[in-house]
Amino acid sequence: MRILVVGAGALGGYFGGRLKEAGRDVTFLVRPHRAELLANSGLVVRSPKGDASLQLHRLFPAPSSTPNCQRRSCKRCGRNGRSSPQQPASAA
């Protein structure tokens, strides 16, 4: 099974990293700058359950422009006003 993880922050990095550590076929979809950092430095997971340092070979930079339609699932806290799930969708 191939797994696509959108984002490699706290949640995506942890769960995607643990899946990768377990030998799963994981690809990360991240912003271009984050893709460059991960390609150069790898992904480090620090946890009371054990640390892991992983080299990632399957990174896809997300497009820098906003698509016409998108479906996102993310945590609400820490978004710094970039999007709000309480705002109504605008009609085209």
N, C-alpha and C. Protein backbone atom coordinates (compact mmCIF):
# COMPACT_ATOMS: atom_id res chain seq x y z
N MET A 1 0.85 -1.17 0.00
CA MET A 1 0.00 0.00 0.00
C MET A 1 0.89 1.24 0.00
N ARG A 2 0.57 2.19 -0.87
CA ARG A 2 1.29 3.45 -0.90
C ARG A 2 0.50 4.48 -0.09
N ILE A 3 1.19 5.26 0.73
CA ILE A 3 0.54 6.21 1.63
C ILE A 3 1.04 7.61 1.31
N LEU A 4 0.10 8.54 1.14
CA LEU A 4 0.43 9.95 0.93
C LEU A 4 0.10 10.70 2.22
N VAL A 5 1.09 11.38 2.78
CA VAL A 5 0.90 12.19 3.97
C VAL A 5 0.98 13.65 3.55
N VAL A 6 -0.07 14.40 3.81
CA VAL A 6 -0.11 15.82 3.46
C VAL A 6 0.45 16.60 4.63
N GLY A 7 1.62 17.19 4.42
CA GLY A 7 2.29 17.95 5.46
C GLY A 7 3.26 17.07 6.24
N ALA A 8 4.29 17.71 6.78
CA ALA A 8 5.28 16.98 7.58
C ALA A 8 5.60 17.79 8.83
N GLY A 9 4.56 18.36 9.42
CA GLY A 9 4.72 19.10 10.67
C GLY A 9 4.61 18.13 11.83
N ALA A 10 4.02 18.59 12.92
CA ALA A 10 3.93 17.76 14.13
C ALA A 10 3.16 16.47 13.87
N LEU A 11 1.98 16.56 13.29
CA LEU A 11 1.16 15.36 13.09
C LEU A 11 1.62 14.54 11.88
N GLY A 12 1.73 15.19 10.73
CA GLY A 12 2.15 14.46 9.53
C GLY A 12 3.55 13.89 9.66
N GLY A 13 4.45 14.67 10.27
CA GLY A 13 5.82 14.20 10.47
C GLY A 13 5.88 13.01 11.40
N TYR A 14 5.10 13.07 12.49
CA TYR A 14 5.13 11.97 13.45
C TYR A 14 4.54 10.69 12.85
N PHE A 15 3.29 10.78 12.39
CA PHE A 15 2.63 9.56 11.90
C PHE A 15 3.26 9.06 10.60
N GLY A 16 3.59 9.97 9.69
CA GLY A 16 4.26 9.56 8.47
C GLY A 16 5.63 8.97 8.75
N GLY A 17 6.35 9.59 9.70
CA GLY A 17 7.66 9.08 10.08
C GLY A 17 7.59 7.70 10.70
N ARG A 18 6.60 7.50 11.55
CA ARG A 18 6.44 6.17 12.17
C ARG A 18 6.07 5.12 11.13
N LEU A 19 5.23 5.49 10.16
CA LEU A 19 4.91 4.55 9.09
C LEU A 19 6.15 4.23 8.26
N LYS A 20 6.94 5.25 7.94
CA LYS A 20 8.17 5.06 7.18
C LYS A 20 9.14 4.18 7.96
N GLU A 21 9.27 4.44 9.26
CA GLU A 21 10.14 3.65 10.12
C GLU A 21 9.72 2.17 10.14
N ALA A 22 8.41 1.92 10.01
CA ALA A 22 7.89 0.56 10.00
C ALA A 22 8.01 -0.11 8.62
N GLY A 23 8.61 0.62 7.66
CA GLY A 23 8.84 0.03 6.35
C GLY A 23 7.75 0.28 5.32
N ARG A 24 6.81 1.14 5.62
CA ARG A 24 5.73 1.44 4.68
C ARG A 24 6.22 2.36 3.57
N ASP A 25 5.53 2.34 2.45
CA ASP A 25 5.83 3.19 1.30
C ASP A 25 5.12 4.53 1.51
N VAL A 26 5.84 5.52 2.04
CA VAL A 26 5.25 6.80 2.42
C VAL A 26 5.80 7.92 1.54
N THR A 27 4.91 8.75 1.03
CA THR A 27 5.27 9.94 0.28
C THR A 27 4.68 11.13 1.02
N PHE A 28 5.48 12.20 1.15
CA PHE A 28 5.03 13.41 1.81
C PHE A 28 4.75 14.50 0.79
N LEU A 29 3.62 15.16 0.92
CA LEU A 29 3.28 16.32 0.10
C LEU A 29 3.48 17.54 0.99
N VAL A 30 4.51 18.33 0.70
CA VAL A 30 4.88 19.46 1.54
C VAL A 30 5.16 20.69 0.70
N ARG A 31 5.24 21.84 1.34
CA ARG A 31 5.59 23.08 0.64
C ARG A 31 7.03 22.99 0.13
N PRO A 32 7.34 23.72 -0.96
CA PRO A 32 8.68 23.60 -1.57
C PRO A 32 9.83 23.83 -0.59
N HIS A 33 9.73 24.82 0.26
CA HIS A 33 10.83 25.09 1.21
C HIS A 33 11.00 23.92 2.18
N ARG A 34 9.89 23.38 2.66
CA ARG A 34 9.94 22.23 3.59
C ARG A 34 10.50 21.00 2.88
N ALA A 35 10.16 20.81 1.61
CA ALA A 35 10.69 19.68 0.84
C ALA A 35 12.21 19.77 0.76
N GLU A 36 12.73 20.97 0.53
CA GLU A 36 14.18 21.16 0.45
C GLU A 36 14.85 20.85 1.79
N LEU A 37 14.25 21.34 2.89
CA LEU A 37 14.80 21.07 4.22
C LEU A 37 14.81 19.57 4.53
N LEU A 38 13.71 18.90 4.24
CA LEU A 38 13.62 17.47 4.52
C LEU A 38 14.57 16.66 3.64
N ALA A 39 14.73 17.07 2.40
CA ALA A 39 15.64 16.36 1.50
C ALA A 39 17.08 16.47 1.99
N ASN A 40 17.43 17.63 2.54
CA ASN A 40 18.81 17.86 3.00
C ASN A 40 19.06 17.30 4.40
N SER A 41 18.11 17.45 5.29
CA SER A 41 18.33 17.11 6.71
C SER A 41 17.62 15.84 7.17
N GLY A 42 16.66 15.38 6.42
CA GLY A 42 15.87 14.23 6.84
C GLY A 42 14.80 14.63 7.84
N LEU A 43 14.07 13.67 8.31
CA LEU A 43 12.99 13.88 9.27
C LEU A 43 13.41 13.28 10.61
N VAL A 44 13.31 14.09 11.66
CA VAL A 44 13.65 13.63 13.00
C VAL A 44 12.38 13.57 13.83
N VAL A 45 12.11 12.42 14.42
CA VAL A 45 10.96 12.23 15.29
C VAL A 45 11.51 12.05 16.70
N ARG A 46 11.06 12.90 17.62
CA ARG A 46 11.45 12.76 19.03
C ARG A 46 10.19 12.44 19.83
N SER A 47 10.24 11.38 20.59
CA SER A 47 9.06 10.91 21.29
C SER A 47 9.46 10.10 22.51
N PRO A 48 8.62 10.11 23.56
CA PRO A 48 8.88 9.22 24.69
C PRO A 48 8.86 7.74 24.28
N LYS A 49 8.24 7.44 23.15
CA LYS A 49 8.18 6.06 22.64
C LYS A 49 9.43 5.68 21.86
N GLY A 50 10.38 6.63 21.72
CA GLY A 50 11.61 6.37 20.99
C GLY A 50 11.81 7.36 19.86
N ASP A 51 13.05 7.78 19.67
CA ASP A 51 13.39 8.74 18.62
C ASP A 51 13.71 8.01 17.32
N ALA A 52 13.57 8.75 16.22
CA ALA A 52 13.90 8.19 14.90
C ALA A 52 14.46 9.29 14.02
N SER A 53 15.44 8.97 13.23
CA SER A 53 16.01 9.89 12.25
C SER A 53 15.91 9.20 10.89
N LEU A 54 15.14 9.80 9.99
CA LEU A 54 14.81 9.14 8.72
C LEU A 54 15.22 9.99 7.53
N GLN A 55 15.80 9.35 6.54
CA GLN A 55 16.05 10.01 5.26
C GLN A 55 14.82 9.78 4.38
N LEU A 56 14.28 10.85 3.84
CA LEU A 56 13.08 10.75 3.00
C LEU A 56 13.46 10.89 1.54
N HIS A 57 12.99 9.97 0.73
CA HIS A 57 13.30 10.00 -0.70
C HIS A 57 12.07 10.31 -1.54
N ARG A 58 10.89 10.31 -0.92
CA ARG A 58 9.67 10.54 -1.68
C ARG A 58 8.98 11.79 -1.15
N LEU A 59 9.38 12.92 -1.69
CA LEU A 59 8.81 14.22 -1.32
C LEU A 59 8.25 14.88 -2.56
N PHE A 60 7.05 15.40 -2.46
CA PHE A 60 6.47 16.15 -3.56
C PHE A 60 6.16 17.55 -3.06
N PRO A 61 6.77 18.56 -3.65
CA PRO A 61 6.41 19.93 -3.25
C PRO A 61 4.97 20.23 -3.64
N ALA A 62 4.23 20.82 -2.72
CA ALA A 62 2.86 21.25 -3.00
C ALA A 62 2.92 22.47 -3.91
N PRO A 63 1.90 22.67 -4.74
CA PRO A 63 1.89 23.85 -5.59
C PRO A 63 1.86 25.11 -4.75
N SER A 64 2.57 26.15 -5.22
CA SER A 64 2.62 27.40 -4.45
C SER A 64 1.37 28.25 -4.68
N SER A 65 0.63 27.99 -5.74
CA SER A 65 -0.62 28.73 -5.97
C SER A 65 -1.80 27.92 -5.45
N THR A 66 -2.88 28.60 -5.15
CA THR A 66 -4.06 27.94 -4.60
C THR A 66 -4.89 27.35 -5.72
N PRO A 67 -5.27 26.08 -5.61
CA PRO A 67 -6.12 25.47 -6.64
C PRO A 67 -7.55 26.00 -6.57
N ASN A 68 -8.33 25.73 -7.59
CA ASN A 68 -9.73 26.18 -7.62
C ASN A 68 -10.59 25.44 -6.61
N CYS A 69 -10.22 24.23 -6.32
CA CYS A 69 -10.98 23.43 -5.38
C CYS A 69 -10.01 22.65 -4.52
N GLN A 70 -10.29 22.58 -3.25
CA GLN A 70 -9.43 21.82 -2.37
C GLN A 70 -10.22 21.22 -1.23
N ARG A 71 -9.73 20.11 -0.71
CA ARG A 71 -10.34 19.47 0.44
C ARG A 71 -9.22 19.25 1.45
N ARG A 72 -9.35 19.87 2.60
CA ARG A 72 -8.31 19.77 3.61
C ARG A 72 -8.90 19.27 4.91
N SER A 73 -8.11 18.52 5.63
CA SER A 73 -8.44 18.11 6.99
C SER A 73 -7.23 18.45 7.82
N CYS A 74 -7.41 19.33 8.78
CA CYS A 74 -6.27 19.72 9.60
C CYS A 74 -6.75 20.15 10.98
N LYS A 75 -5.82 20.22 11.89
CA LYS A 75 -6.16 20.69 13.22
C LYS A 75 -6.44 22.19 13.15
N ARG A 76 -7.27 22.68 14.03
CA ARG A 76 -7.65 24.07 13.98
C ARG A 76 -6.64 24.98 14.67
N CYS A 77 -6.07 24.54 15.77
CA CYS A 77 -5.15 25.41 16.51
C CYS A 77 -3.85 25.60 15.74
N GLY A 78 -3.24 26.74 15.92
CA GLY A 78 -1.95 27.00 15.30
C GLY A 78 -1.99 27.39 13.84
N ARG A 79 -3.14 27.74 13.31
CA ARG A 79 -3.23 28.09 11.90
C ARG A 79 -2.92 29.58 11.65
N ASN A 80 -2.81 30.38 12.70
CA ASN A 80 -2.45 31.80 12.59
C ASN A 80 -3.32 32.57 11.61
N GLY A 81 -4.60 32.26 11.58
CA GLY A 81 -5.52 33.01 10.74
C GLY A 81 -5.42 32.73 9.25
N ARG A 82 -4.64 31.75 8.82
CA ARG A 82 -4.51 31.48 7.39
C ARG A 82 -5.78 30.91 6.80
N SER A 83 -6.52 30.19 7.60
CA SER A 83 -7.83 29.71 7.17
C SER A 83 -8.65 29.49 8.41
N SER A 84 -9.91 29.61 8.26
CA SER A 84 -10.79 29.41 9.41
C SER A 84 -11.94 28.51 8.98
N PRO A 85 -12.14 27.39 9.67
CA PRO A 85 -13.24 26.51 9.28
C PRO A 85 -14.61 27.13 9.52
N GLN A 86 -14.65 28.25 10.25
CA GLN A 86 -15.93 28.90 10.52
C GLN A 86 -16.32 29.88 9.43
N GLN A 87 -15.41 30.23 8.55
CA GLN A 87 -15.74 31.15 7.46
C GLN A 87 -16.52 30.40 6.38
N PRO A 88 -17.59 31.01 5.88
CA PRO A 88 -18.35 30.34 4.80
C PRO A 88 -17.54 30.31 3.51
N ALA A 89 -17.78 29.29 2.73
CA ALA A 89 -17.12 29.20 1.43
C ALA A 89 -17.69 30.27 0.51
N SER A 90 -16.81 30.89 -0.27
CA SER A 90 -17.29 31.94 -1.19
C SER A 90 -17.82 31.30 -2.45
N ALA A 91 -18.89 31.88 -2.97
CA ALA A 91 -19.49 31.38 -4.21
C ALA A 91 -18.76 31.97 -5.41
N ALA A 92 -18.55 31.17 -6.42
CA ALA A 92 -17.84 31.65 -7.62
C ALA A 92 -18.80 32.27 -8.60
